[in-house]
Amino acid sequence: MGKNVYSSEVKWAVVKEKLSGELTTKQIMEKYRIKNKSQVETWMRWYRSNELYRFDQPIGKQYTYGHGPDSASEDDKRERQMSHLKMENEILKKYMEIERELRKKQS
């Protein structure tokens, strides 16, 4: 029985779904076929501690000095950062929309 390998796209999708709050952890695990709850918790911990470089690292050696293998170009790093910021922006917009709806209901 080997280790499961999840792509960075799956990791980001899981974080995005978890932050949106629309699905439970169990539902997310079923949707993305993740076997262990601790995997989702690890990805959320990486996100909260701003260790975004970890999402693109392979299983095994976790790079911390240069935040990834030397093969990652500056353009790749910028593209990952832009992708992350876009996702964060989408989540904040969703949150603001939910907050507005709740305020309307209270009025």
N, C-alpha and C. Protein backbone atom coordinates (compact mmCIF):
# COMPACT_ATOMS: atom_id res chain seq x y z
N MET A 1 0.84 -1.18 0.00
CA MET A 1 0.00 0.00 0.00
C MET A 1 0.89 1.24 0.00
N GLY A 2 0.84 2.04 -1.07
CA GLY A 2 1.70 3.20 -1.20
C GLY A 2 1.03 4.47 -0.71
N LYS A 3 1.79 5.53 -0.76
CA LYS A 3 1.26 6.83 -0.35
C LYS A 3 0.40 7.40 -1.46
N ASN A 4 -0.62 8.13 -1.06
CA ASN A 4 -1.46 8.82 -2.03
C ASN A 4 -0.78 10.11 -2.45
N VAL A 5 -0.87 10.42 -3.72
CA VAL A 5 -0.30 11.64 -4.24
C VAL A 5 -1.45 12.50 -4.77
N TYR A 6 -1.56 13.70 -4.24
CA TYR A 6 -2.61 14.62 -4.66
C TYR A 6 -1.97 15.79 -5.40
N SER A 7 -2.57 16.19 -6.50
CA SER A 7 -2.03 17.32 -7.27
C SER A 7 -2.25 18.61 -6.50
N SER A 8 -1.50 19.64 -6.87
CA SER A 8 -1.67 20.93 -6.21
C SER A 8 -3.07 21.48 -6.49
N GLU A 9 -3.65 21.15 -7.64
CA GLU A 9 -5.01 21.61 -7.97
C GLU A 9 -6.02 21.03 -6.98
N VAL A 10 -5.85 19.75 -6.65
CA VAL A 10 -6.76 19.11 -5.69
C VAL A 10 -6.58 19.75 -4.32
N LYS A 11 -5.34 19.97 -3.92
CA LYS A 11 -5.07 20.57 -2.61
C LYS A 11 -5.74 21.94 -2.51
N TRP A 12 -5.57 22.77 -3.55
CA TRP A 12 -6.17 24.11 -3.54
C TRP A 12 -7.69 24.03 -3.57
N ALA A 13 -8.23 23.09 -4.34
CA ALA A 13 -9.69 22.94 -4.41
C ALA A 13 -10.25 22.56 -3.04
N VAL A 14 -9.55 21.68 -2.33
CA VAL A 14 -9.99 21.26 -1.00
C VAL A 14 -9.97 22.46 -0.05
N VAL A 15 -8.89 23.24 -0.07
CA VAL A 15 -8.79 24.40 0.80
C VAL A 15 -9.91 25.39 0.49
N LYS A 16 -10.14 25.62 -0.79
CA LYS A 16 -11.19 26.56 -1.21
C LYS A 16 -12.56 26.10 -0.72
N GLU A 17 -12.86 24.82 -0.89
CA GLU A 17 -14.15 24.29 -0.46
C GLU A 17 -14.28 24.36 1.05
N LYS A 18 -13.22 24.05 1.75
CA LYS A 18 -13.25 24.09 3.21
C LYS A 18 -13.49 25.51 3.71
N LEU A 19 -12.83 26.49 3.09
CA LEU A 19 -12.99 27.88 3.49
C LEU A 19 -14.38 28.42 3.17
N SER A 20 -14.97 27.93 2.10
CA SER A 20 -16.31 28.40 1.73
C SER A 20 -17.35 27.94 2.73
N GLY A 21 -17.09 26.81 3.39
CA GLY A 21 -18.00 26.32 4.41
C GLY A 21 -19.25 25.64 3.88
N GLU A 22 -19.32 25.43 2.58
CA GLU A 22 -20.51 24.83 1.98
C GLU A 22 -20.57 23.32 2.18
N LEU A 23 -19.41 22.68 2.30
CA LEU A 23 -19.35 21.23 2.48
C LEU A 23 -18.64 20.90 3.78
N THR A 24 -19.00 19.77 4.36
CA THR A 24 -18.31 19.31 5.55
C THR A 24 -16.99 18.66 5.13
N THR A 25 -16.12 18.44 6.09
CA THR A 25 -14.85 17.78 5.79
C THR A 25 -15.11 16.39 5.19
N LYS A 26 -16.06 15.68 5.74
CA LYS A 26 -16.37 14.34 5.24
C LYS A 26 -16.84 14.38 3.79
N GLN A 27 -17.69 15.36 3.45
CA GLN A 27 -18.17 15.50 2.07
C GLN A 27 -17.02 15.84 1.13
N ILE A 28 -16.13 16.71 1.58
CA ILE A 28 -14.96 17.08 0.76
C ILE A 28 -14.09 15.85 0.53
N MET A 29 -13.89 15.06 1.58
CA MET A 29 -13.06 13.86 1.46
C MET A 29 -13.67 12.89 0.45
N GLU A 30 -14.97 12.73 0.48
CA GLU A 30 -15.64 11.83 -0.48
C GLU A 30 -15.52 12.37 -1.90
N LYS A 31 -15.72 13.68 -2.04
CA LYS A 31 -15.68 14.31 -3.37
C LYS A 31 -14.32 14.15 -4.04
N TYR A 32 -13.25 14.34 -3.26
CA TYR A 32 -11.89 14.30 -3.82
C TYR A 32 -11.17 12.99 -3.53
N ARG A 33 -11.88 12.03 -2.94
CA ARG A 33 -11.33 10.70 -2.63
C ARG A 33 -10.08 10.78 -1.76
N ILE A 34 -10.20 11.55 -0.69
CA ILE A 34 -9.12 11.68 0.28
C ILE A 34 -9.41 10.70 1.40
N LYS A 35 -8.43 9.89 1.75
CA LYS A 35 -8.67 8.81 2.70
C LYS A 35 -8.60 9.23 4.16
N ASN A 36 -7.85 10.27 4.47
CA ASN A 36 -7.64 10.60 5.88
C ASN A 36 -7.94 12.07 6.15
N LYS A 37 -8.69 12.32 7.20
CA LYS A 37 -9.07 13.67 7.60
C LYS A 37 -7.84 14.53 7.91
N SER A 38 -6.80 13.91 8.42
CA SER A 38 -5.61 14.67 8.79
C SER A 38 -4.94 15.32 7.58
N GLN A 39 -5.17 14.75 6.39
CA GLN A 39 -4.60 15.33 5.18
C GLN A 39 -5.22 16.70 4.92
N VAL A 40 -6.53 16.79 5.05
CA VAL A 40 -7.23 18.07 4.87
C VAL A 40 -6.76 19.06 5.93
N GLU A 41 -6.63 18.60 7.17
CA GLU A 41 -6.17 19.47 8.25
C GLU A 41 -4.76 20.00 7.99
N THR A 42 -3.90 19.14 7.43
CA THR A 42 -2.54 19.57 7.09
C THR A 42 -2.55 20.68 6.05
N TRP A 43 -3.34 20.49 5.00
CA TRP A 43 -3.42 21.51 3.94
C TRP A 43 -3.98 22.82 4.48
N MET A 44 -4.94 22.75 5.38
CA MET A 44 -5.50 23.96 5.97
C MET A 44 -4.46 24.65 6.86
N ARG A 45 -3.67 23.85 7.58
CA ARG A 45 -2.61 24.42 8.42
C ARG A 45 -1.57 25.13 7.55
N TRP A 46 -1.21 24.52 6.43
CA TRP A 46 -0.27 25.16 5.51
C TRP A 46 -0.84 26.49 5.02
N TYR A 47 -2.10 26.50 4.66
CA TYR A 47 -2.75 27.71 4.14
C TYR A 47 -2.76 28.81 5.21
N ARG A 48 -3.18 28.44 6.43
CA ARG A 48 -3.29 29.44 7.50
C ARG A 48 -1.93 30.00 7.91
N SER A 49 -0.89 29.18 7.84
CA SER A 49 0.44 29.65 8.22
C SER A 49 1.21 30.23 7.03
N ASN A 50 0.51 30.41 5.92
CA ASN A 50 1.07 31.03 4.71
C ASN A 50 2.26 30.26 4.15
N GLU A 51 2.24 28.94 4.27
CA GLU A 51 3.27 28.08 3.69
C GLU A 51 2.79 27.56 2.34
N LEU A 52 2.46 28.48 1.46
CA LEU A 52 1.83 28.15 0.19
C LEU A 52 2.73 27.36 -0.75
N TYR A 53 4.04 27.51 -0.59
CA TYR A 53 4.98 26.78 -1.42
C TYR A 53 4.84 25.27 -1.24
N ARG A 54 4.33 24.84 -0.12
CA ARG A 54 4.20 23.41 0.16
C ARG A 54 3.19 22.71 -0.75
N PHE A 55 2.21 23.45 -1.27
CA PHE A 55 1.18 22.84 -2.11
C PHE A 55 1.76 22.25 -3.40
N ASP A 56 2.90 22.76 -3.83
CA ASP A 56 3.51 22.30 -5.08
C ASP A 56 4.66 21.33 -4.86
N GLN A 57 4.96 20.98 -3.63
CA GLN A 57 6.09 20.10 -3.36
C GLN A 57 5.67 18.63 -3.46
N PRO A 58 6.59 17.80 -3.93
CA PRO A 58 6.29 16.37 -4.02
C PRO A 58 6.31 15.72 -2.65
N ILE A 59 5.82 14.49 -2.59
CA ILE A 59 5.86 13.72 -1.34
C ILE A 59 7.31 13.51 -0.94
N GLY A 60 7.56 13.49 0.34
CA GLY A 60 8.91 13.23 0.83
C GLY A 60 9.58 14.50 1.30
N LYS A 61 10.65 14.87 0.65
CA LYS A 61 11.44 16.03 1.05
C LYS A 61 10.60 17.30 0.98
N GLN A 62 10.49 17.99 2.11
CA GLN A 62 9.77 19.26 2.16
C GLN A 62 10.80 20.38 2.23
N TYR A 63 10.86 21.20 1.19
CA TYR A 63 11.84 22.26 1.10
C TYR A 63 11.37 23.46 1.91
N THR A 64 12.26 24.04 2.70
CA THR A 64 11.91 25.25 3.41
C THR A 64 12.88 26.39 3.09
N TYR A 65 14.13 26.06 2.79
CA TYR A 65 15.12 27.11 2.57
C TYR A 65 14.74 27.99 1.39
N GLY A 66 14.62 27.41 0.23
CA GLY A 66 14.28 28.20 -0.96
C GLY A 66 12.81 28.11 -1.30
N HIS A 67 12.02 27.53 -0.43
CA HIS A 67 10.59 27.33 -0.64
C HIS A 67 10.31 26.54 -1.90
N GLY A 68 11.07 25.53 -2.13
CA GLY A 68 10.80 24.66 -3.26
C GLY A 68 12.05 24.27 -3.99
N PRO A 69 11.90 23.35 -4.93
CA PRO A 69 13.07 22.93 -5.70
C PRO A 69 13.59 24.07 -6.56
N ASP A 70 14.87 23.99 -6.88
CA ASP A 70 15.50 25.05 -7.68
C ASP A 70 14.90 25.17 -9.06
N SER A 71 14.20 24.12 -9.52
CA SER A 71 13.65 24.15 -10.87
C SER A 71 12.49 25.12 -11.02
N ALA A 72 11.91 25.58 -9.93
CA ALA A 72 10.78 26.50 -10.01
C ALA A 72 11.30 27.87 -10.43
N SER A 73 10.82 28.34 -11.56
CA SER A 73 11.26 29.64 -12.07
C SER A 73 10.50 30.77 -11.37
N GLU A 74 10.99 31.96 -11.55
CA GLU A 74 10.31 33.14 -10.97
C GLU A 74 8.91 33.28 -11.55
N ASP A 75 8.76 32.99 -12.84
CA ASP A 75 7.43 33.08 -13.47
C ASP A 75 6.47 32.07 -12.85
N ASP A 76 6.96 30.86 -12.58
CA ASP A 76 6.12 29.85 -11.94
C ASP A 76 5.69 30.31 -10.55
N LYS A 77 6.63 30.87 -9.82
CA LYS A 77 6.32 31.34 -8.47
C LYS A 77 5.29 32.46 -8.52
N ARG A 78 5.45 33.39 -9.46
CA ARG A 78 4.48 34.49 -9.60
C ARG A 78 3.11 33.96 -10.00
N GLU A 79 3.11 32.99 -10.90
CA GLU A 79 1.84 32.41 -11.35
C GLU A 79 1.11 31.73 -10.19
N ARG A 80 1.84 30.99 -9.37
CA ARG A 80 1.23 30.34 -8.20
C ARG A 80 0.70 31.38 -7.23
N GLN A 81 1.46 32.44 -7.02
CA GLN A 81 1.03 33.49 -6.11
C GLN A 81 -0.22 34.18 -6.64
N MET A 82 -0.25 34.46 -7.94
CA MET A 82 -1.44 35.08 -8.54
C MET A 82 -2.65 34.18 -8.40
N SER A 83 -2.46 32.90 -8.63
CA SER A 83 -3.54 31.93 -8.50
C SER A 83 -4.07 31.92 -7.07
N HIS A 84 -3.17 31.94 -6.13
CA HIS A 84 -3.56 31.96 -4.72
C HIS A 84 -4.34 33.23 -4.39
N LEU A 85 -3.85 34.36 -4.84
CA LEU A 85 -4.52 35.62 -4.54
C LEU A 85 -5.90 35.70 -5.20
N LYS A 86 -6.03 35.15 -6.40
CA LYS A 86 -7.34 35.12 -7.06
C LYS A 86 -8.31 34.27 -6.25
N MET A 87 -7.84 33.12 -5.79
CA MET A 87 -8.70 32.25 -5.00
C MET A 87 -9.11 32.94 -3.70
N GLU A 88 -8.18 33.60 -3.06
CA GLU A 88 -8.46 34.31 -1.82
C GLU A 88 -9.48 35.42 -2.06
N ASN A 89 -9.35 36.11 -3.19
CA ASN A 89 -10.27 37.17 -3.55
C ASN A 89 -11.69 36.61 -3.75
N GLU A 90 -11.80 35.47 -4.42
CA GLU A 90 -13.10 34.83 -4.63
C GLU A 90 -13.75 34.48 -3.29
N ILE A 91 -12.96 33.95 -2.38
CA ILE A 91 -13.48 33.57 -1.07
C ILE A 91 -13.96 34.80 -0.31
N LEU A 92 -13.20 35.88 -0.36
CA LEU A 92 -13.60 37.10 0.33
C LEU A 92 -14.87 37.69 -0.27
N LYS A 93 -15.00 37.64 -1.58
CA LYS A 93 -16.23 38.12 -2.22
C LYS A 93 -17.43 37.31 -1.77
N LYS A 94 -17.26 36.00 -1.70
CA LYS A 94 -18.33 35.11 -1.26
C LYS A 94 -18.71 35.43 0.19
N TYR A 95 -17.72 35.64 1.02
CA TYR A 95 -17.96 35.98 2.42
C TYR A 95 -18.74 37.29 2.53
N MET A 96 -18.33 38.30 1.76
CA MET A 96 -19.00 39.60 1.78
C MET A 96 -20.46 39.47 1.34
N GLU A 97 -20.69 38.64 0.33
CA GLU A 97 -22.04 38.41 -0.17
C GLU A 97 -22.91 37.77 0.91
N ILE A 98 -22.37 36.77 1.58
CA ILE A 98 -23.11 36.10 2.66
C ILE A 98 -23.39 37.08 3.80
N GLU A 99 -22.40 37.89 4.13
CA GLU A 99 -22.57 38.88 5.20
C GLU A 99 -23.68 39.87 4.85
N ARG A 100 -23.71 40.35 3.59
CA ARG A 100 -24.77 41.27 3.15
C ARG A 100 -26.14 40.64 3.26
N GLU A 101 -26.24 39.37 2.84
CA GLU A 101 -27.52 38.67 2.92
C GLU A 101 -27.99 38.53 4.36
N LEU A 102 -27.07 38.23 5.27
CA LEU A 102 -27.43 38.11 6.68
C LEU A 102 -27.89 39.44 7.26
N ARG A 103 -27.25 40.52 6.87
CA ARG A 103 -27.65 41.86 7.36
C ARG A 103 -29.03 42.22 6.84
N LYS A 104 -29.34 41.87 5.60
CA LYS A 104 -30.67 42.15 5.04
C LYS A 104 -31.74 41.40 5.81
N LYS A 105 -31.44 40.16 6.18
CA LYS A 105 -32.41 39.33 6.92
C LYS A 105 -32.64 39.91 8.32
N GLN A 106 -31.60 40.49 8.91
CA GLN A 106 -31.73 41.04 10.25
C GLN A 106 -32.52 42.36 10.26
N SER A 107 -32.52 43.05 9.11
CA SER A 107 -33.21 44.36 9.04
C SER A 107 -34.70 44.21 8.92
